């Protein structure tokens, strides 16, 4: 498990909502030009997401008229232009703090909170494969006073590690269907365990 990011709040668990905005194949000379009309950029993250040696862009966006909702636009660098490869206008609401990073071709999205005597966070790791962004890893960490709970899923090796107050356990997992970033309507209503069965 990696160190806990500095984020402020955590989503409540519920059933996943499969609706999302469709991706566009629109191209533009500037990546920012791919942000949909009526939205503005809150954050810009650069990194190579498709292993072609060029910096791609991820924009965290919000509606100009309703800033309580957040979304993502992913623009692939095609050399002389940029392609809108993914557009999801409803990733999380304003009550949730989210951190987006790109490292070694993996798009990481972290939601969570820290408080006086502990923390709680979730990290979702997506990789561009099968022509889409699919979940390849999931980490959950919670510390409340002296109690510590960690869970880490590797969806490439189909393994899950759980740690409860120092006791470690490994399980095989089965992925019921690919978990795609474009289909996550809101992390507040998303539960990765609905897509996983534990052996």
Protein backbone atom coordinates (compact mmCIF):
# COMPACT_ATOMS: atom_id res chain seq x y z
CA UNK A 1 0.00 0.00 0.00
CA UNK A 2 1.28 3.45 -0.79
CA UNK A 3 1.22 6.44 1.53
CA UNK A 4 -2.11 8.10 2.12
CA UNK A 5 -2.78 11.11 -0.16
CA UNK A 6 -3.92 14.38 1.36
CA UNK A 7 -7.60 14.38 0.46
CA UNK A 8 -10.53 15.66 2.42
CA UNK A 9 -13.65 13.49 2.16
CA UNK A 10 -14.82 10.04 1.16
CA UNK A 11 -17.80 8.81 -0.88
CA UNK A 12 -20.57 6.67 0.54
CA UNK A 13 -20.92 3.17 -0.85
CA UNK A 14 -23.95 2.16 -2.87
CA UNK A 15 -24.91 0.41 -6.09
CA UNK A 16 -23.01 1.43 -9.26
CA UNK A 17 -24.71 3.55 -11.85
CA UNK A 18 -23.80 2.47 -15.35
CA UNK A 19 -24.84 5.63 -17.19
CA UNK A 20 -22.21 8.05 -18.48
CA UNK A 21 -21.54 10.46 -21.27
CA UNK A 22 -20.30 8.90 -24.48
CA UNK A 23 -16.74 9.47 -25.64
CA UNK A 24 -16.18 11.72 -28.61
CA UNK A 25 -13.77 11.11 -31.48
CA UNK A 26 -13.46 14.82 -32.12
CA UNK A 27 -9.96 16.12 -32.87
CA UNK A 28 -8.50 19.54 -32.15
CA UNK A 29 -5.20 21.38 -32.39
CA UNK A 30 -5.31 22.17 -28.66
CA UNK A 31 -6.28 19.56 -26.02
CA UNK A 32 -8.24 22.17 -24.04
CA UNK A 33 -10.44 22.72 -27.10
CA UNK A 34 -11.88 19.23 -26.51
CA UNK A 35 -13.55 20.31 -23.27
CA UNK A 36 -17.32 20.37 -23.96
CA UNK A 37 -19.17 23.64 -24.32
CA UNK A 38 -20.52 24.91 -21.01
CA UNK A 39 -17.71 23.33 -18.98
CA UNK A 40 -14.49 24.72 -17.56
CA UNK A 41 -11.17 23.14 -16.56
CA UNK A 42 -10.46 22.76 -12.83
CA UNK A 43 -7.28 20.72 -13.14
CA UNK A 44 -4.90 19.61 -15.90
CA UNK A 45 -2.69 16.49 -15.67
CA UNK A 46 -0.15 15.44 -18.30
CA UNK A 47 1.47 12.07 -18.96
CA UNK A 48 1.87 9.29 -21.53
CA UNK A 49 -1.23 7.07 -21.27
CA UNK A 50 -0.89 5.02 -24.46
CA UNK A 51 2.90 4.41 -24.46
CA UNK A 52 3.67 6.33 -27.63
CA UNK A 53 6.18 8.68 -25.99
CA UNK A 54 3.89 11.73 -26.20
CA UNK A 55 2.23 13.57 -23.32
CA UNK A 56 -1.52 13.08 -23.20
CA UNK A 57 -3.88 15.28 -21.18
CA UNK A 58 -6.47 14.59 -18.51
CA UNK A 59 -8.77 17.47 -17.60
CA UNK A 60 -10.94 17.59 -14.49
CA UNK A 61 -13.96 19.61 -15.58
CA UNK A 62 -17.10 21.12 -14.09
CA UNK A 63 -20.16 22.82 -15.49
CA UNK A 64 -20.02 26.60 -15.55
CA UNK A 65 -23.60 26.77 -14.28
CA UNK A 66 -23.34 23.87 -11.80
CA UNK A 67 -19.96 23.49 -10.13
CA UNK A 68 -21.08 20.78 -7.69
CA UNK A 69 -20.40 18.04 -10.24
CA UNK A 70 -17.02 16.99 -11.67
CA UNK A 71 -16.07 15.10 -14.81
CA UNK A 72 -13.07 13.99 -16.85
CA UNK A 73 -11.87 14.50 -20.41
CA UNK A 74 -8.91 12.48 -21.69
CA UNK A 75 -7.15 13.81 -24.80
CA UNK A 76 -4.59 11.66 -26.63
CA UNK A 77 -1.67 13.43 -28.28
CA UNK A 78 -1.57 12.53 -31.99
CA UNK A 79 1.44 14.70 -32.77
CA UNK A 80 -0.21 17.49 -34.73
CA UNK A 81 -3.62 17.20 -33.09
CA UNK A 82 -5.41 15.83 -30.00
CA UNK A 83 -8.19 13.25 -29.89
CA UNK A 84 -10.96 13.11 -27.29
CA UNK A 85 -10.58 9.47 -26.29
CA UNK A 86 -12.80 9.58 -23.19
CA UNK A 87 -15.38 11.99 -21.87
CA UNK A 88 -17.29 11.33 -18.66
CA UNK A 89 -19.10 14.36 -17.29
CA UNK A 90 -20.14 12.83 -13.97
CA UNK A 91 -17.29 11.30 -11.97
CA UNK A 92 -17.97 12.73 -8.52
CA UNK A 93 -19.88 15.49 -6.76
CA UNK A 94 -18.58 18.60 -5.05
CA UNK A 95 -18.67 17.04 -1.59
CA UNK A 96 -15.97 14.56 -2.60
CA UNK A 97 -12.29 15.46 -2.91
CA UNK A 98 -10.45 13.69 -5.71
CA UNK A 99 -6.81 13.55 -6.78
CA UNK A 100 -5.81 12.55 -10.33
CA UNK A 101 -2.29 11.49 -11.33
CA UNK A 102 -0.54 9.69 -14.20
CA UNK A 103 2.39 7.37 -13.47
CA UNK A 104 3.95 4.79 -15.79
CA UNK A 105 0.98 4.92 -18.13
CA UNK A 106 -1.57 4.36 -15.34
CA UNK A 107 -4.32 6.86 -14.59
CA UNK A 108 -4.86 6.97 -10.82
CA UNK A 109 -7.93 8.45 -9.16
CA UNK A 110 -7.89 8.77 -5.36
CA UNK A 111 -10.84 9.70 -3.16
CA UNK A 112 -10.75 9.80 0.63
CA UNK A 113 -10.26 11.75 3.81
CA UNK A 114 -7.84 12.25 6.67
CA UNK A 115 -8.92 13.09 10.22
CA UNK A 116 -7.44 13.53 13.69
CA UNK A 117 -6.90 9.89 14.59
CA UNK A 118 -6.82 8.21 11.21
CA UNK A 119 -7.66 8.19 7.53
CA UNK A 120 -9.75 6.48 4.87
CA UNK A 121 -9.08 6.43 1.14
CA UNK A 122 -9.68 4.52 -2.08
CA UNK A 123 -7.41 4.47 -5.11
CA UNK A 124 -8.63 3.35 -8.55
CA UNK A 125 -5.97 2.55 -11.17
CA UNK A 126 -6.97 2.56 -14.83
CA UNK A 127 -4.94 1.54 -17.88
CA UNK A 128 -5.73 2.07 -21.56
CA UNK A 129 -6.28 -1.42 -22.94
CA UNK A 130 -8.81 -3.05 -25.26
CA UNK A 131 -9.40 0.45 -26.71
CA UNK A 132 -10.71 1.76 -23.38
CA UNK A 133 -9.67 2.71 -19.85
CA UNK A 134 -10.16 -0.38 -17.67
CA UNK A 135 -9.59 -0.81 -13.95
CA UNK A 136 -6.42 -2.82 -13.24
CA UNK A 137 -5.99 -2.11 -9.52
CA UNK A 138 -7.91 -0.99 -6.46
CA UNK A 139 -6.59 -0.09 -2.99
CA UNK A 140 -8.57 0.68 0.14
CA UNK A 141 -7.03 1.85 3.42
CA UNK A 142 -8.72 2.79 6.67
CA UNK A 143 -7.22 3.69 10.03
CA UNK A 144 -9.46 4.56 12.94
CA UNK A 145 -7.56 5.05 16.17
CA UNK A 146 -5.59 1.86 16.75
CA UNK A 147 -7.52 -0.19 14.19
CA UNK A 148 -6.04 -0.53 10.69
CA UNK A 149 -7.68 -2.16 7.64
CA UNK A 150 -6.20 -2.43 4.15
CA UNK A 151 -7.42 -4.13 0.99
CA UNK A 152 -5.56 -4.29 -2.32
CA UNK A 153 -6.85 -5.87 -5.55
CA UNK A 154 -4.73 -6.65 -8.60
CA UNK A 155 -7.13 -7.18 -11.47
CA UNK A 156 -4.31 -8.31 -13.77
CA UNK A 157 -3.18 -11.19 -11.57
CA UNK A 158 -6.66 -11.76 -10.05
CA UNK A 159 -5.33 -11.56 -6.50
CA UNK A 160 -6.60 -9.71 -3.42
CA UNK A 161 -4.64 -8.95 -0.26
CA UNK A 162 -6.40 -7.97 2.96
CA UNK A 163 -4.79 -6.82 6.18
CA UNK A 164 -6.73 -6.41 9.41
CA UNK A 165 -4.72 -5.14 12.39
CA UNK A 166 -1.59 -6.96 11.23
CA UNK A 167 -3.28 -10.19 10.07
CA UNK A 168 -2.66 -10.78 6.35
CA UNK A 169 -4.77 -12.88 3.98
CA UNK A 170 -4.62 -13.58 0.23
CA UNK A 171 -7.54 -14.61 -2.00
CA UNK A 172 -8.07 -15.33 -5.67
CA UNK A 173 -10.70 -13.12 -7.27
CA UNK A 174 -12.83 -13.40 -10.39
CA UNK A 175 -13.74 -10.31 -12.42
CA UNK A 176 -17.35 -10.57 -13.55
CA UNK A 177 -16.89 -7.96 -16.30
CA UNK A 178 -14.34 -5.27 -17.22
CA UNK A 179 -14.69 -2.15 -15.08
CA UNK A 180 -14.53 0.81 -17.45
CA UNK A 181 -13.95 4.39 -16.40
CA UNK A 182 -16.49 5.71 -18.90
CA UNK A 183 -19.26 3.68 -17.21
CA UNK A 184 -18.67 4.99 -13.68
CA UNK A 185 -21.35 7.61 -13.22
CA UNK A 186 -20.26 8.77 -9.75
CA UNK A 187 -17.68 7.36 -7.34
CA UNK A 188 -20.12 8.11 -4.50
CA UNK A 189 -22.41 5.40 -5.86
CA UNK A 190 -19.74 3.03 -7.14
CA UNK A 191 -18.76 -0.20 -5.36
CA UNK A 192 -16.00 -2.24 -6.97
CA UNK A 193 -17.09 -5.37 -5.09
CA UNK A 194 -20.18 -5.59 -7.29
CA UNK A 195 -17.85 -6.58 -10.14
CA UNK A 196 -15.69 -9.00 -8.15
CA UNK A 197 -16.27 -12.42 -6.63
CA UNK A 198 -13.83 -13.83 -4.07
CA UNK A 199 -12.78 -17.49 -4.10
